[in-house]
Amino acid sequence: MQFRAGKKSQNDVSIQEPIDSDKDGNSLTLNDVVADTFDVHEDYERKEETEALYRVVNRLSGRERQIVIMRYGLSDTQPLTQQQVADILRISRSYVSGHD
């Protein structure tokens, strides 16, 4: 509502306002210095690859799936070492390494 009214308070910041200058003295705006990392194509490819990975992982047997998920940090978990996975599942490290 405030933007439609065109009112500006002292706390408002525009991404087009100069915030600094470059080494040549040219004005730099917030828009110039904030990285635009959003790439629709790249995000779509990453999503497709992730879905393909999970389709393959879900075809594994229960124990194998669990090893791969734990070892590589899938499903929002931290990757674990072979020894950590072996200790948690109470299996030999060589069994875990056979699935790397």
N, C-alpha and C. Protein backbone atom coordinates (compact mmCIF):
# COMPACT_ATOMS: atom_id res chain seq x y z
N MET A 1 0.82 -1.18 0.00
CA MET A 1 0.00 0.00 0.00
C MET A 1 0.87 1.25 0.00
N GLN A 2 1.92 1.20 0.83
CA GLN A 2 2.80 2.35 0.92
C GLN A 2 3.51 2.61 -0.41
N PHE A 3 3.88 1.54 -1.13
CA PHE A 3 4.55 1.70 -2.42
C PHE A 3 3.62 2.34 -3.44
N ARG A 4 2.35 1.94 -3.41
CA ARG A 4 1.39 2.51 -4.35
C ARG A 4 1.20 4.00 -4.11
N ALA A 5 1.23 4.39 -2.86
CA ALA A 5 1.05 5.80 -2.51
C ALA A 5 2.29 6.62 -2.88
N GLY A 6 3.39 5.94 -3.14
CA GLY A 6 4.61 6.64 -3.52
C GLY A 6 5.32 7.28 -2.36
N LYS A 7 4.94 6.94 -1.15
CA LYS A 7 5.56 7.51 0.03
C LYS A 7 6.85 6.77 0.33
N LYS A 8 7.80 7.49 0.87
CA LYS A 8 9.08 6.88 1.20
C LYS A 8 9.49 7.34 2.58
N SER A 9 9.83 6.39 3.43
CA SER A 9 10.31 6.75 4.76
C SER A 9 11.83 6.72 4.74
N GLN A 10 12.43 7.16 5.82
CA GLN A 10 13.88 7.20 5.87
C GLN A 10 14.48 5.80 5.92
N ASN A 11 13.71 4.77 6.25
CA ASN A 11 14.21 3.40 6.31
C ASN A 11 14.09 2.65 4.99
N ASP A 12 13.40 3.24 4.01
CA ASP A 12 13.24 2.60 2.71
C ASP A 12 14.54 2.68 1.92
N VAL A 13 14.85 1.61 1.21
CA VAL A 13 16.04 1.57 0.38
C VAL A 13 15.64 1.12 -1.01
N SER A 14 16.15 1.80 -2.01
CA SER A 14 15.88 1.40 -3.39
C SER A 14 17.09 0.65 -3.92
N ILE A 15 16.84 -0.40 -4.71
CA ILE A 15 17.96 -1.13 -5.28
C ILE A 15 18.65 -0.33 -6.38
N GLN A 16 18.05 0.80 -6.77
CA GLN A 16 18.63 1.65 -7.80
C GLN A 16 19.42 2.84 -7.23
N GLU A 17 19.33 3.05 -5.91
CA GLU A 17 20.05 4.16 -5.30
C GLU A 17 21.54 3.86 -5.25
N PRO A 18 22.37 4.85 -5.54
CA PRO A 18 23.82 4.64 -5.44
C PRO A 18 24.21 4.34 -3.99
N ILE A 19 25.03 3.30 -3.80
CA ILE A 19 25.50 2.95 -2.46
C ILE A 19 27.00 3.09 -2.33
N ASP A 20 27.69 3.16 -3.46
CA ASP A 20 29.14 3.23 -3.46
C ASP A 20 29.58 3.61 -4.86
N SER A 21 30.87 3.60 -5.07
CA SER A 21 31.36 3.85 -6.43
C SER A 21 32.48 2.86 -6.72
N ASP A 22 32.66 2.55 -8.01
CA ASP A 22 33.71 1.61 -8.40
C ASP A 22 35.04 2.35 -8.50
N LYS A 23 36.10 1.64 -8.88
CA LYS A 23 37.44 2.23 -8.92
C LYS A 23 37.55 3.38 -9.93
N ASP A 24 36.64 3.45 -10.89
CA ASP A 24 36.64 4.53 -11.88
C ASP A 24 35.75 5.69 -11.48
N GLY A 25 35.11 5.58 -10.30
CA GLY A 25 34.24 6.65 -9.84
C GLY A 25 32.80 6.53 -10.28
N ASN A 26 32.45 5.46 -10.97
CA ASN A 26 31.07 5.25 -11.42
C ASN A 26 30.21 4.79 -10.24
N SER A 27 28.97 5.24 -10.20
CA SER A 27 28.06 4.85 -9.12
C SER A 27 27.76 3.36 -9.19
N LEU A 28 27.72 2.75 -8.01
CA LEU A 28 27.29 1.35 -7.88
C LEU A 28 26.00 1.34 -7.08
N THR A 29 25.03 0.61 -7.58
CA THR A 29 23.77 0.47 -6.86
C THR A 29 23.73 -0.90 -6.21
N LEU A 30 22.77 -1.08 -5.34
CA LEU A 30 22.58 -2.38 -4.71
C LEU A 30 22.32 -3.43 -5.78
N ASN A 31 21.60 -3.07 -6.79
CA ASN A 31 21.30 -3.96 -7.90
C ASN A 31 22.58 -4.42 -8.61
N ASP A 32 23.60 -3.54 -8.67
CA ASP A 32 24.86 -3.88 -9.33
C ASP A 32 25.69 -4.89 -8.53
N VAL A 33 25.62 -4.80 -7.20
CA VAL A 33 26.52 -5.62 -6.38
C VAL A 33 25.90 -6.90 -5.85
N VAL A 34 24.58 -7.02 -5.89
CA VAL A 34 23.93 -8.25 -5.43
C VAL A 34 23.96 -9.26 -6.58
N ALA A 35 24.52 -10.42 -6.29
CA ALA A 35 24.63 -11.45 -7.33
C ALA A 35 23.27 -12.04 -7.63
N ASP A 36 22.99 -12.21 -8.91
CA ASP A 36 21.75 -12.84 -9.35
C ASP A 36 22.08 -14.29 -9.65
N THR A 37 21.84 -15.16 -8.68
CA THR A 37 22.21 -16.56 -8.85
C THR A 37 21.04 -17.42 -9.29
N PHE A 38 19.90 -16.83 -9.49
CA PHE A 38 18.73 -17.60 -9.88
C PHE A 38 18.75 -17.84 -11.38
N ASP A 39 18.85 -19.08 -11.77
CA ASP A 39 18.87 -19.46 -13.17
C ASP A 39 17.83 -20.56 -13.33
N VAL A 40 16.71 -20.24 -13.97
CA VAL A 40 15.59 -21.18 -14.09
C VAL A 40 16.04 -22.47 -14.76
N HIS A 41 16.79 -22.37 -15.85
CA HIS A 41 17.23 -23.56 -16.58
C HIS A 41 18.11 -24.44 -15.71
N GLU A 42 19.06 -23.82 -15.03
CA GLU A 42 19.97 -24.58 -14.17
C GLU A 42 19.20 -25.23 -13.02
N ASP A 43 18.27 -24.50 -12.41
CA ASP A 43 17.47 -25.05 -11.33
C ASP A 43 16.62 -26.23 -11.81
N TYR A 44 16.06 -26.12 -13.01
CA TYR A 44 15.25 -27.19 -13.57
C TYR A 44 16.10 -28.44 -13.81
N GLU A 45 17.31 -28.24 -14.38
CA GLU A 45 18.20 -29.38 -14.61
C GLU A 45 18.59 -30.05 -13.30
N ARG A 46 18.90 -29.27 -12.29
CA ARG A 46 19.27 -29.82 -10.99
C ARG A 46 18.11 -30.62 -10.41
N LYS A 47 16.89 -30.12 -10.55
CA LYS A 47 15.72 -30.83 -10.04
C LYS A 47 15.54 -32.15 -10.78
N GLU A 48 15.70 -32.12 -12.11
CA GLU A 48 15.58 -33.35 -12.91
C GLU A 48 16.63 -34.38 -12.50
N GLU A 49 17.87 -33.93 -12.32
CA GLU A 49 18.95 -34.84 -11.93
C GLU A 49 18.70 -35.43 -10.55
N THR A 50 18.21 -34.60 -9.63
CA THR A 50 17.92 -35.06 -8.28
C THR A 50 16.82 -36.11 -8.30
N GLU A 51 15.77 -35.85 -9.07
CA GLU A 51 14.68 -36.82 -9.17
C GLU A 51 15.16 -38.13 -9.77
N ALA A 52 16.03 -38.07 -10.77
CA ALA A 52 16.58 -39.29 -11.38
C ALA A 52 17.42 -40.06 -10.37
N LEU A 53 18.23 -39.35 -9.60
CA LEU A 53 19.05 -39.99 -8.57
C LEU A 53 18.18 -40.73 -7.57
N TYR A 54 17.13 -40.08 -7.09
CA TYR A 54 16.27 -40.72 -6.10
C TYR A 54 15.50 -41.90 -6.69
N ARG A 55 15.16 -41.85 -7.98
CA ARG A 55 14.51 -43.01 -8.60
C ARG A 55 15.44 -44.21 -8.56
N VAL A 56 16.72 -43.99 -8.84
CA VAL A 56 17.69 -45.09 -8.82
C VAL A 56 17.91 -45.58 -7.39
N VAL A 57 18.10 -44.66 -6.46
CA VAL A 57 18.33 -45.03 -5.06
C VAL A 57 17.14 -45.80 -4.51
N ASN A 58 15.94 -45.42 -4.89
CA ASN A 58 14.74 -46.10 -4.37
C ASN A 58 14.58 -47.51 -4.92
N ARG A 59 15.31 -47.86 -5.95
CA ARG A 59 15.27 -49.24 -6.47
C ARG A 59 16.17 -50.18 -5.68
N LEU A 60 17.03 -49.63 -4.86
CA LEU A 60 17.94 -50.46 -4.07
C LEU A 60 17.18 -51.15 -2.94
N SER A 61 17.77 -52.25 -2.43
CA SER A 61 17.16 -52.91 -1.28
C SER A 61 17.25 -51.97 -0.08
N GLY A 62 16.48 -52.26 0.95
CA GLY A 62 16.42 -51.39 2.13
C GLY A 62 17.78 -51.07 2.72
N ARG A 63 18.60 -52.06 2.96
CA ARG A 63 19.92 -51.84 3.57
C ARG A 63 20.83 -51.07 2.62
N GLU A 64 20.83 -51.46 1.35
CA GLU A 64 21.67 -50.75 0.37
C GLU A 64 21.26 -49.29 0.25
N ARG A 65 19.96 -49.05 0.21
CA ARG A 65 19.45 -47.68 0.12
C ARG A 65 19.91 -46.87 1.34
N GLN A 66 19.79 -47.48 2.50
CA GLN A 66 20.18 -46.81 3.74
C GLN A 66 21.68 -46.47 3.71
N ILE A 67 22.50 -47.38 3.23
CA ILE A 67 23.94 -47.14 3.15
C ILE A 67 24.24 -45.97 2.22
N VAL A 68 23.63 -45.96 1.04
CA VAL A 68 23.90 -44.90 0.07
C VAL A 68 23.43 -43.55 0.62
N ILE A 69 22.26 -43.52 1.22
CA ILE A 69 21.73 -42.27 1.78
C ILE A 69 22.65 -41.75 2.88
N MET A 70 23.08 -42.62 3.77
CA MET A 70 23.95 -42.20 4.86
C MET A 70 25.33 -41.80 4.36
N ARG A 71 25.88 -42.60 3.46
CA ARG A 71 27.24 -42.37 2.98
C ARG A 71 27.37 -41.07 2.19
N TYR A 72 26.36 -40.74 1.38
CA TYR A 72 26.45 -39.56 0.53
C TYR A 72 25.61 -38.39 1.00
N GLY A 73 24.99 -38.51 2.16
CA GLY A 73 24.27 -37.39 2.73
C GLY A 73 23.02 -37.00 1.95
N LEU A 74 22.29 -37.99 1.47
CA LEU A 74 21.05 -37.70 0.75
C LEU A 74 19.93 -37.47 1.77
N SER A 75 18.80 -36.99 1.30
CA SER A 75 17.63 -36.73 2.15
C SER A 75 17.95 -35.77 3.29
N ASP A 76 18.69 -34.72 2.95
CA ASP A 76 19.02 -33.66 3.92
C ASP A 76 19.78 -34.16 5.14
N THR A 77 20.68 -35.11 4.93
CA THR A 77 21.53 -35.58 6.02
C THR A 77 22.98 -35.26 5.67
N GLN A 78 23.83 -35.30 6.66
CA GLN A 78 25.25 -35.08 6.45
C GLN A 78 25.89 -36.38 5.95
N PRO A 79 26.82 -36.31 4.99
CA PRO A 79 27.51 -37.51 4.55
C PRO A 79 28.34 -38.09 5.69
N LEU A 80 28.35 -39.39 5.79
CA LEU A 80 29.12 -40.07 6.82
C LEU A 80 30.25 -40.86 6.18
N THR A 81 31.27 -41.14 6.97
CA THR A 81 32.38 -41.96 6.48
C THR A 81 31.92 -43.42 6.43
N GLN A 82 32.69 -44.23 5.73
CA GLN A 82 32.38 -45.66 5.68
C GLN A 82 32.34 -46.24 7.09
N GLN A 83 33.29 -45.83 7.92
CA GLN A 83 33.35 -46.37 9.28
C GLN A 83 32.14 -45.95 10.10
N GLN A 84 31.71 -44.71 9.97
CA GLN A 84 30.53 -44.25 10.71
C GLN A 84 29.28 -45.03 10.30
N VAL A 85 29.11 -45.23 9.00
CA VAL A 85 27.96 -46.00 8.51
C VAL A 85 28.03 -47.43 9.04
N ALA A 86 29.21 -48.02 8.97
CA ALA A 86 29.39 -49.40 9.46
C ALA A 86 29.06 -49.50 10.94
N ASP A 87 29.53 -48.54 11.72
CA ASP A 87 29.26 -48.56 13.16
C ASP A 87 27.77 -48.42 13.45
N ILE A 88 27.10 -47.51 12.77
CA ILE A 88 25.66 -47.29 12.99
C ILE A 88 24.86 -48.54 12.62
N LEU A 89 25.19 -49.15 11.49
CA LEU A 89 24.42 -50.31 11.02
C LEU A 89 24.95 -51.64 11.56
N ARG A 90 26.06 -51.56 12.29
CA ARG A 90 26.69 -52.76 12.88
C ARG A 90 27.03 -53.79 11.81
N ILE A 91 27.71 -53.26 10.77
CA ILE A 91 28.19 -54.12 9.68
C ILE A 91 29.66 -53.80 9.46
N SER A 92 30.30 -54.58 8.62
CA SER A 92 31.72 -54.33 8.36
C SER A 92 31.90 -53.15 7.40
N ARG A 93 33.02 -52.47 7.57
CA ARG A 93 33.32 -51.34 6.70
C ARG A 93 33.47 -51.81 5.25
N SER A 94 33.96 -53.04 5.06
CA SER A 94 34.12 -53.56 3.70
C SER A 94 32.77 -53.75 3.01
N TYR A 95 31.72 -54.06 3.78
CA TYR A 95 30.38 -54.16 3.20
C TYR A 95 29.91 -52.78 2.72
N VAL A 96 30.21 -51.75 3.52
CA VAL A 96 29.85 -50.38 3.15
C VAL A 96 30.63 -49.97 1.90
N SER A 97 31.91 -50.29 1.85
CA SER A 97 32.74 -49.86 0.71
C SER A 97 32.32 -50.54 -0.58
N GLY A 98 31.69 -51.69 -0.49
CA GLY A 98 31.19 -52.38 -1.66
C GLY A 98 30.02 -51.66 -2.30
N HIS A 99 29.49 -50.67 -1.59
CA HIS A 99 28.34 -49.92 -2.10
C HIS A 99 28.69 -48.48 -2.43
N ASP A 100 29.97 -48.12 -2.36
CA ASP A 100 30.40 -46.75 -2.73
C ASP A 100 30.54 -46.61 -4.21
